């Protein structure tokens, strides 16, 4: 039995959802001026944006 993987569109959709979530976290962290969370969120956003370049 062959397993089906994610299509490119499904993967991209998942990444876009993750990106939206991290952008929200970043916005909240900036409101609280929480530098450690800001750095983490910015790093994750950068990773996701790099993955979306396919």
Protein backbone atom coordinates (compact mmCIF):
# COMPACT_ATOMS: atom_id res chain seq x y z
CA UNK A 1 0.00 0.00 0.00
CA UNK A 2 1.43 3.36 -1.05
CA UNK A 3 1.18 6.28 1.36
CA UNK A 4 0.16 9.64 0.03
CA UNK A 5 2.23 12.63 1.08
CA UNK A 6 1.18 16.25 1.21
CA UNK A 7 0.80 18.12 -2.02
CA UNK A 8 2.77 21.32 -2.53
CA UNK A 9 -0.44 23.32 -2.09
CA UNK A 10 -1.28 21.57 1.19
CA UNK A 11 2.25 22.17 2.48
CA UNK A 12 2.16 25.81 1.43
CA UNK A 13 -1.24 26.24 3.12
CA UNK A 14 0.13 24.76 6.32
CA UNK A 15 3.15 27.09 6.19
CA UNK A 16 0.91 30.12 5.61
CA UNK A 17 -1.17 29.21 8.67
CA UNK A 18 2.00 28.86 10.74
CA UNK A 19 3.25 32.20 9.40
CA UNK A 20 0.02 33.92 10.38
CA UNK A 21 0.24 32.46 13.89
CA UNK A 22 3.87 33.55 14.37
CA UNK A 23 3.07 37.03 13.07
CA UNK A 24 0.35 37.27 15.72
CA UNK A 25 2.78 36.09 18.41
CA UNK A 26 5.29 38.71 17.22
CA UNK A 27 2.68 41.47 17.41
CA UNK A 28 1.71 40.47 20.96
CA UNK A 29 5.36 40.19 22.04
CA UNK A 30 6.03 43.69 20.70
CA UNK A 31 3.08 45.05 22.69
CA UNK A 32 4.60 43.51 25.83
CA UNK A 33 8.15 44.44 24.76
CA UNK A 34 9.25 40.83 25.38
CA UNK A 35 12.58 40.68 23.56
CA UNK A 36 13.13 36.92 23.89
CA UNK A 37 9.75 36.13 22.33
CA UNK A 38 10.26 38.80 19.65
CA UNK A 39 13.56 37.16 18.65
CA UNK A 40 12.01 33.66 18.61
CA UNK A 41 9.03 34.81 16.54
CA UNK A 42 11.24 36.68 14.06
CA UNK A 43 13.43 33.59 13.67
CA UNK A 44 10.41 31.35 13.02
CA UNK A 45 8.90 33.85 10.55
CA UNK A 46 12.20 33.93 8.66
CA UNK A 47 12.36 30.11 8.54
CA UNK A 48 8.79 29.86 7.23
CA UNK A 49 9.38 32.58 4.61
CA UNK A 50 12.44 30.65 3.39
CA UNK A 51 10.37 27.47 3.10
CA UNK A 52 7.73 29.34 1.09
CA UNK A 53 10.27 30.22 -1.62
CA UNK A 54 9.74 26.94 -3.51
